[in-house]
């Protein structure tokens, strides 16, 4: 019974975290200059060295990250994602589907997004391809 309650709470947490839409975030940061331009390897290394310091530095900030695409997929709630080889995950809105269709695994790409929590590696939300 405790396991079921924990699963329900976890699902609720995921849904609440996703309430701020990727489209809304992308619109919010569209005209903002990035505060940081880094490689995927660089930002992941910073999180590996000191997760708290890197979180303080990047979370909520507009970032452009450059790296090599390892995977393009749709996740929970059909949200489109691009995963970079170094361990950066970029969350896109459905509005970006035409752009995402042009991307391929192994391609080097720069993506602009808002830094977010460390959940499945380093995450950017509201991403667009630069």
N, C-alpha and C. Protein backbone atom coordinates (compact mmCIF):
# COMPACT_ATOMS: atom_id res chain seq x y z
N UNK A 1 0.82 -1.19 0.00
CA UNK A 1 0.00 0.00 0.00
C UNK A 1 0.87 1.27 0.00
N UNK A 2 1.98 1.22 0.76
CA UNK A 2 2.88 2.36 0.81
C UNK A 2 3.50 2.61 -0.56
N UNK A 3 3.80 1.53 -1.29
CA UNK A 3 4.39 1.65 -2.62
C UNK A 3 3.42 2.33 -3.59
N UNK A 4 2.15 1.98 -3.50
CA UNK A 4 1.14 2.60 -4.36
C UNK A 4 1.01 4.09 -4.03
N UNK A 5 0.98 4.41 -2.75
CA UNK A 5 0.89 5.82 -2.34
C UNK A 5 2.09 6.60 -2.83
N UNK A 6 3.26 6.02 -2.74
CA UNK A 6 4.48 6.67 -3.21
C UNK A 6 4.42 6.87 -4.72
N UNK A 7 3.94 5.89 -5.45
CA UNK A 7 3.82 6.00 -6.91
C UNK A 7 2.84 7.11 -7.29
N UNK A 8 1.74 7.21 -6.58
CA UNK A 8 0.75 8.25 -6.85
C UNK A 8 1.35 9.63 -6.58
N UNK A 9 2.07 9.76 -5.47
CA UNK A 9 2.71 11.04 -5.14
C UNK A 9 3.75 11.42 -6.18
N UNK A 10 4.53 10.46 -6.62
CA UNK A 10 5.54 10.71 -7.64
C UNK A 10 4.88 11.17 -8.95
N UNK A 11 3.81 10.50 -9.35
CA UNK A 11 3.09 10.87 -10.57
C UNK A 11 2.53 12.28 -10.45
N UNK A 12 2.00 12.62 -9.29
CA UNK A 12 1.47 13.96 -9.06
C UNK A 12 2.57 15.00 -9.15
N UNK A 13 3.72 14.69 -8.59
CA UNK A 13 4.87 15.59 -8.65
C UNK A 13 5.28 15.85 -10.10
N UNK A 14 5.34 14.79 -10.90
CA UNK A 14 5.73 14.92 -12.31
C UNK A 14 4.74 15.80 -13.05
N UNK A 15 3.47 15.59 -12.83
CA UNK A 15 2.44 16.38 -13.50
C UNK A 15 2.53 17.84 -13.09
N UNK A 16 2.72 18.11 -11.80
CA UNK A 16 2.84 19.49 -11.33
C UNK A 16 4.08 20.16 -11.89
N UNK A 17 5.17 19.42 -11.97
CA UNK A 17 6.41 19.98 -12.52
C UNK A 17 6.25 20.33 -13.99
N UNK A 18 5.40 19.61 -14.69
CA UNK A 18 5.20 19.84 -16.12
C UNK A 18 4.15 20.90 -16.40
N UNK A 19 3.55 21.47 -15.35
CA UNK A 19 2.47 22.43 -15.54
C UNK A 19 2.92 23.66 -16.32
N UNK A 20 4.10 24.11 -16.09
CA UNK A 20 4.61 25.23 -16.86
C UNK A 20 5.01 24.66 -18.22
N UNK A 21 4.30 25.05 -19.25
CA UNK A 21 4.49 24.41 -20.55
C UNK A 21 5.79 24.83 -21.22
N UNK A 22 6.27 23.94 -22.06
CA UNK A 22 7.48 24.22 -22.82
C UNK A 22 7.24 25.39 -23.77
N UNK A 23 6.04 25.48 -24.33
CA UNK A 23 5.70 26.59 -25.23
C UNK A 23 5.76 27.92 -24.48
N UNK A 24 5.20 27.94 -23.27
CA UNK A 24 5.22 29.16 -22.46
C UNK A 24 6.64 29.59 -22.12
N UNK A 25 7.47 28.64 -21.76
CA UNK A 25 8.86 28.96 -21.43
C UNK A 25 9.58 29.47 -22.67
N UNK A 26 9.38 28.80 -23.82
CA UNK A 26 10.04 29.22 -25.06
C UNK A 26 9.65 30.65 -25.43
N UNK A 27 8.37 31.00 -25.27
CA UNK A 27 7.92 32.37 -25.57
C UNK A 27 8.55 33.36 -24.61
N UNK A 28 8.64 32.97 -23.34
CA UNK A 28 9.19 33.85 -22.31
C UNK A 28 10.66 34.19 -22.58
N UNK A 29 11.42 33.24 -23.09
CA UNK A 29 12.86 33.46 -23.26
C UNK A 29 13.26 33.77 -24.71
N UNK A 30 12.30 33.80 -25.63
CA UNK A 30 12.60 33.97 -27.05
C UNK A 30 13.46 35.19 -27.34
N UNK A 31 13.16 36.32 -26.73
CA UNK A 31 13.89 37.56 -27.01
C UNK A 31 15.02 37.84 -26.03
N UNK A 32 15.26 36.92 -25.12
CA UNK A 32 16.31 37.14 -24.12
C UNK A 32 17.66 36.64 -24.65
N UNK A 33 18.67 37.42 -24.38
CA UNK A 33 20.03 37.00 -24.70
C UNK A 33 20.44 35.93 -23.70
N UNK A 34 21.18 34.92 -24.15
CA UNK A 34 21.63 33.89 -23.21
C UNK A 34 22.61 34.46 -22.19
N UNK A 35 22.47 34.01 -20.96
CA UNK A 35 23.41 34.42 -19.92
C UNK A 35 24.68 33.58 -19.98
N UNK A 36 24.55 32.37 -20.56
CA UNK A 36 25.70 31.48 -20.69
C UNK A 36 25.64 30.78 -22.05
N UNK A 37 26.79 30.60 -22.66
CA UNK A 37 26.93 29.77 -23.86
C UNK A 37 28.02 28.75 -23.54
N UNK A 38 27.63 27.48 -23.47
CA UNK A 38 28.55 26.43 -23.03
C UNK A 38 28.39 25.20 -23.91
N UNK A 39 29.41 24.35 -23.86
CA UNK A 39 29.27 23.05 -24.52
C UNK A 39 28.54 22.12 -23.57
N UNK A 40 27.93 21.10 -24.12
CA UNK A 40 27.23 20.12 -23.29
C UNK A 40 28.21 19.47 -22.31
N UNK A 41 29.40 19.15 -22.79
CA UNK A 41 30.41 18.51 -21.93
C UNK A 41 30.80 19.44 -20.77
N UNK A 42 30.92 20.73 -21.04
CA UNK A 42 31.32 21.69 -20.01
C UNK A 42 30.27 21.79 -18.90
N UNK A 43 28.99 21.92 -19.27
CA UNK A 43 27.95 22.09 -18.25
C UNK A 43 27.78 20.80 -17.43
N UNK A 44 27.89 19.64 -18.09
CA UNK A 44 27.78 18.37 -17.36
C UNK A 44 28.95 18.23 -16.39
N UNK A 45 30.15 18.61 -16.83
CA UNK A 45 31.32 18.53 -15.95
C UNK A 45 31.14 19.43 -14.72
N UNK A 46 30.55 20.60 -14.92
CA UNK A 46 30.31 21.50 -13.78
C UNK A 46 29.34 20.86 -12.78
N UNK A 47 28.27 20.23 -13.28
CA UNK A 47 27.33 19.54 -12.39
C UNK A 47 28.00 18.36 -11.69
N UNK A 48 28.87 17.65 -12.40
CA UNK A 48 29.57 16.52 -11.79
C UNK A 48 30.50 16.98 -10.67
N UNK A 49 31.16 18.11 -10.87
CA UNK A 49 32.09 18.64 -9.87
C UNK A 49 31.36 19.11 -8.62
N UNK A 50 30.27 19.87 -8.83
CA UNK A 50 29.55 20.43 -7.69
C UNK A 50 28.12 20.74 -8.12
N UNK A 51 27.22 19.79 -7.89
CA UNK A 51 25.85 19.91 -8.33
C UNK A 51 25.16 21.16 -7.76
N UNK A 52 25.40 21.46 -6.50
CA UNK A 52 24.76 22.63 -5.88
C UNK A 52 25.22 23.94 -6.51
N UNK A 53 26.51 24.07 -6.71
CA UNK A 53 27.05 25.30 -7.30
C UNK A 53 26.58 25.46 -8.74
N UNK A 54 26.58 24.37 -9.50
CA UNK A 54 26.13 24.44 -10.89
C UNK A 54 24.65 24.77 -10.96
N UNK A 55 23.86 24.18 -10.07
CA UNK A 55 22.43 24.48 -10.02
C UNK A 55 22.19 25.95 -9.73
N UNK A 56 22.93 26.47 -8.78
CA UNK A 56 22.82 27.89 -8.42
C UNK A 56 23.18 28.77 -9.62
N UNK A 57 24.18 28.35 -10.37
CA UNK A 57 24.66 29.13 -11.52
C UNK A 57 23.69 29.09 -12.70
N UNK A 58 23.13 27.90 -13.03
CA UNK A 58 22.40 27.72 -14.28
C UNK A 58 20.88 27.67 -14.17
N UNK A 59 20.34 27.21 -13.05
CA UNK A 59 18.89 27.03 -12.97
C UNK A 59 18.15 28.36 -13.08
N UNK A 60 17.16 28.38 -13.99
CA UNK A 60 16.38 29.57 -14.23
C UNK A 60 17.02 30.56 -15.19
N UNK A 61 18.23 30.27 -15.64
CA UNK A 61 18.94 31.16 -16.55
C UNK A 61 18.76 30.72 -18.00
N UNK A 62 18.86 31.66 -18.93
CA UNK A 62 18.80 31.36 -20.36
C UNK A 62 20.20 30.92 -20.79
N UNK A 63 20.24 29.73 -21.40
CA UNK A 63 21.52 29.10 -21.74
C UNK A 63 21.47 28.62 -23.18
N UNK A 64 22.59 28.74 -23.87
CA UNK A 64 22.76 28.09 -25.17
C UNK A 64 23.78 26.98 -24.95
N UNK A 65 23.39 25.75 -25.25
CA UNK A 65 24.25 24.59 -25.09
C UNK A 65 24.51 23.97 -26.46
N UNK A 66 25.77 23.66 -26.74
CA UNK A 66 26.15 23.04 -28.00
C UNK A 66 26.66 21.63 -27.73
N UNK A 67 26.18 20.68 -28.52
CA UNK A 67 26.62 19.30 -28.36
C UNK A 67 26.16 18.43 -29.51
N UNK A 68 26.47 17.16 -29.39
CA UNK A 68 26.14 16.17 -30.42
C UNK A 68 24.88 15.42 -29.99
N UNK A 69 23.90 15.34 -30.89
CA UNK A 69 22.64 14.67 -30.58
C UNK A 69 22.84 13.17 -30.48
N UNK A 70 22.37 12.59 -29.38
CA UNK A 70 22.42 11.13 -29.22
C UNK A 70 21.05 10.50 -29.40
N UNK A 71 19.98 11.28 -29.13
CA UNK A 71 18.64 10.70 -29.24
C UNK A 71 17.60 11.81 -29.39
N UNK A 72 16.58 11.53 -30.21
CA UNK A 72 15.44 12.42 -30.39
C UNK A 72 14.21 11.56 -30.12
N UNK A 73 13.37 11.98 -29.18
CA UNK A 73 12.24 11.13 -28.81
C UNK A 73 11.13 11.94 -28.15
N UNK A 74 10.00 11.28 -27.92
CA UNK A 74 8.90 11.84 -27.14
C UNK A 74 8.83 11.08 -25.82
N UNK A 75 8.71 11.82 -24.76
CA UNK A 75 8.67 11.20 -23.45
C UNK A 75 7.28 11.21 -22.85
N UNK A 76 7.25 11.21 -21.54
CA UNK A 76 6.03 11.25 -20.76
C UNK A 76 5.20 12.45 -21.20
N UNK A 77 3.91 12.28 -21.35
CA UNK A 77 3.00 13.31 -21.82
C UNK A 77 3.32 13.77 -23.24
N UNK A 78 4.04 12.91 -24.00
CA UNK A 78 4.37 13.16 -25.41
C UNK A 78 5.24 14.38 -25.63
N UNK A 79 5.94 14.83 -24.61
CA UNK A 79 6.85 15.97 -24.73
C UNK A 79 8.04 15.58 -25.60
N UNK A 80 8.36 16.39 -26.63
CA UNK A 80 9.52 16.08 -27.47
C UNK A 80 10.83 16.48 -26.78
N UNK A 81 11.82 15.61 -26.92
CA UNK A 81 13.13 15.82 -26.30
C UNK A 81 14.24 15.59 -27.29
N UNK A 82 15.35 16.29 -27.06
CA UNK A 82 16.61 16.00 -27.74
C UNK A 82 17.63 15.77 -26.64
N UNK A 83 18.29 14.64 -26.71
CA UNK A 83 19.32 14.29 -25.74
C UNK A 83 20.68 14.47 -26.40
N UNK A 84 21.59 15.15 -25.71
CA UNK A 84 22.95 15.32 -26.21
C UNK A 84 23.87 14.30 -25.56
N UNK A 85 24.88 13.84 -26.31
CA UNK A 85 25.76 12.76 -25.85
C UNK A 85 26.37 13.00 -24.49
N UNK A 86 26.68 14.22 -24.16
CA UNK A 86 27.33 14.49 -22.87
C UNK A 86 26.39 14.32 -21.68
N UNK A 87 25.06 14.28 -21.94
CA UNK A 87 24.11 14.10 -20.84
C UNK A 87 23.21 15.28 -20.61
N UNK A 88 22.99 16.11 -21.62
CA UNK A 88 22.06 17.23 -21.52
C UNK A 88 20.78 16.86 -22.24
N UNK A 89 19.65 17.10 -21.59
CA UNK A 89 18.34 16.81 -22.19
C UNK A 89 17.63 18.14 -22.40
N UNK A 90 17.16 18.37 -23.63
CA UNK A 90 16.44 19.59 -23.98
C UNK A 90 14.98 19.27 -24.25
N UNK A 91 14.10 19.92 -23.51
CA UNK A 91 12.66 19.72 -23.65
C UNK A 91 12.12 20.76 -24.63
N UNK A 92 11.41 20.29 -25.65
CA UNK A 92 10.85 21.17 -26.68
C UNK A 92 9.34 21.19 -26.58
N UNK A 93 8.73 22.20 -27.19
CA UNK A 93 7.27 22.23 -27.29
C UNK A 93 6.87 21.58 -28.61
N UNK A 94 5.60 21.24 -28.71
CA UNK A 94 5.09 20.68 -29.96
C UNK A 94 5.25 21.65 -31.12
N UNK A 95 5.32 22.94 -30.84
CA UNK A 95 5.50 23.95 -31.89
C UNK A 95 6.82 23.75 -32.62
N UNK A 96 7.75 23.08 -32.00
CA UNK A 96 9.07 22.88 -32.60
C UNK A 96 9.15 21.61 -33.44
N UNK A 97 8.05 20.88 -33.59
CA UNK A 97 8.07 19.63 -34.36
C UNK A 97 8.68 19.78 -35.76
N UNK A 98 8.34 20.82 -36.53
CA UNK A 98 8.95 20.95 -37.86
C UNK A 98 10.48 21.06 -37.81
N UNK A 99 10.99 21.77 -36.82
CA UNK A 99 12.44 21.90 -36.66
C UNK A 99 13.04 20.57 -36.22
N UNK A 100 12.38 19.91 -35.28
CA UNK A 100 12.91 18.64 -34.76
C UNK A 100 12.98 17.57 -35.85
N UNK A 101 12.07 17.65 -36.83
CA UNK A 101 12.10 16.68 -37.93
C UNK A 101 13.35 16.81 -38.78
N UNK A 102 14.01 17.95 -38.72
CA UNK A 102 15.24 18.16 -39.51
C UNK A 102 16.48 17.70 -38.77
N UNK A 103 16.36 17.37 -37.49
CA UNK A 103 17.50 16.96 -36.67
C UNK A 103 17.78 15.47 -36.84
N UNK A 104 19.06 15.09 -36.68
CA UNK A 104 19.44 13.68 -36.77
C UNK A 104 20.44 13.34 -35.68
N UNK A 105 20.44 12.09 -35.28
CA UNK A 105 21.44 11.62 -34.32
C UNK A 105 22.83 11.82 -34.92
N UNK A 106 23.77 12.27 -34.09
CA UNK A 106 25.13 12.51 -34.53
C UNK A 106 25.38 13.93 -35.01
N UNK A 107 24.32 14.70 -35.17
CA UNK A 107 24.43 16.09 -35.62
C UNK A 107 24.86 16.98 -34.45
N UNK A 108 25.74 17.93 -34.72
CA UNK A 108 26.12 18.92 -33.72
C UNK A 108 25.12 20.07 -33.82
N UNK A 109 24.59 20.47 -32.66
CA UNK A 109 23.53 21.48 -32.64
C UNK A 109 23.70 22.37 -31.42
N UNK A 110 23.24 23.62 -31.55
CA UNK A 110 23.18 24.55 -30.42
C UNK A 110 21.72 24.78 -30.10
N UNK A 111 21.38 24.67 -28.83
CA UNK A 111 20.00 24.82 -28.39
C UNK A 111 19.92 25.83 -27.26
N UNK A 112 18.92 26.67 -27.35
CA UNK A 112 18.67 27.69 -26.33
C UNK A 112 17.51 27.23 -25.47
N UNK A 113 17.67 27.34 -24.16
CA UNK A 113 16.61 26.97 -23.24
C UNK A 113 16.86 27.56 -21.87
N UNK A 114 15.95 27.29 -20.97
CA UNK A 114 16.09 27.75 -19.59
C UNK A 114 16.60 26.60 -18.74
N UNK A 115 17.66 26.84 -18.01
CA UNK A 115 18.23 25.82 -17.15
C UNK A 115 17.23 25.35 -16.11
N UNK A 116 17.20 24.05 -15.89
CA UNK A 116 16.24 23.48 -14.96
C UNK A 116 16.95 22.47 -14.07
N UNK A 117 16.17 21.77 -13.29
CA UNK A 117 16.69 20.83 -12.30
C UNK A 117 17.54 19.73 -12.93
N UNK A 118 18.31 19.10 -12.09
CA UNK A 118 19.09 17.94 -12.50
C UNK A 118 18.24 16.72 -12.16
N UNK A 119 17.58 16.12 -13.16
CA UNK A 119 16.71 14.98 -12.93
C UNK A 119 17.22 13.78 -13.71
N UNK A 120 17.37 13.94 -14.98
CA UNK A 120 17.91 12.89 -15.84
C UNK A 120 19.16 13.42 -16.52
N UNK A 121 20.06 13.99 -15.76
CA UNK A 121 21.18 14.72 -16.32
C UNK A 121 20.84 16.20 -16.25
N UNK A 122 21.52 17.00 -17.01
CA UNK A 122 21.26 18.43 -17.05
C UNK A 122 20.08 18.65 -17.98
N UNK A 123 19.11 19.46 -17.57
CA UNK A 123 17.94 19.71 -18.39
C UNK A 123 17.82 21.18 -18.76
N UNK A 124 17.34 21.40 -19.99
CA UNK A 124 16.93 22.71 -20.44
C UNK A 124 15.47 22.61 -20.84
N UNK A 125 14.69 23.63 -20.52
CA UNK A 125 13.27 23.63 -20.87
C UNK A 125 12.96 24.75 -21.83
N UNK A 126 11.89 24.58 -22.60
CA UNK A 126 11.48 25.60 -23.56
C UNK A 126 12.50 25.78 -24.67
N UNK A 127 13.12 24.69 -25.09
CA UNK A 127 14.23 24.77 -26.03
C UNK A 127 13.82 25.13 -27.45
N UNK A 128 14.74 25.80 -28.11
CA UNK A 128 14.67 26.08 -29.54
C UNK A 128 16.06 25.83 -30.11
N UNK A 129 16.12 25.49 -31.39
CA UNK A 129 17.40 25.29 -32.05
C UNK A 129 17.89 26.64 -32.51
N UNK A 130 19.13 26.94 -32.22
CA UNK A 130 19.71 28.24 -32.60
C UNK A 130 20.35 28.13 -33.96
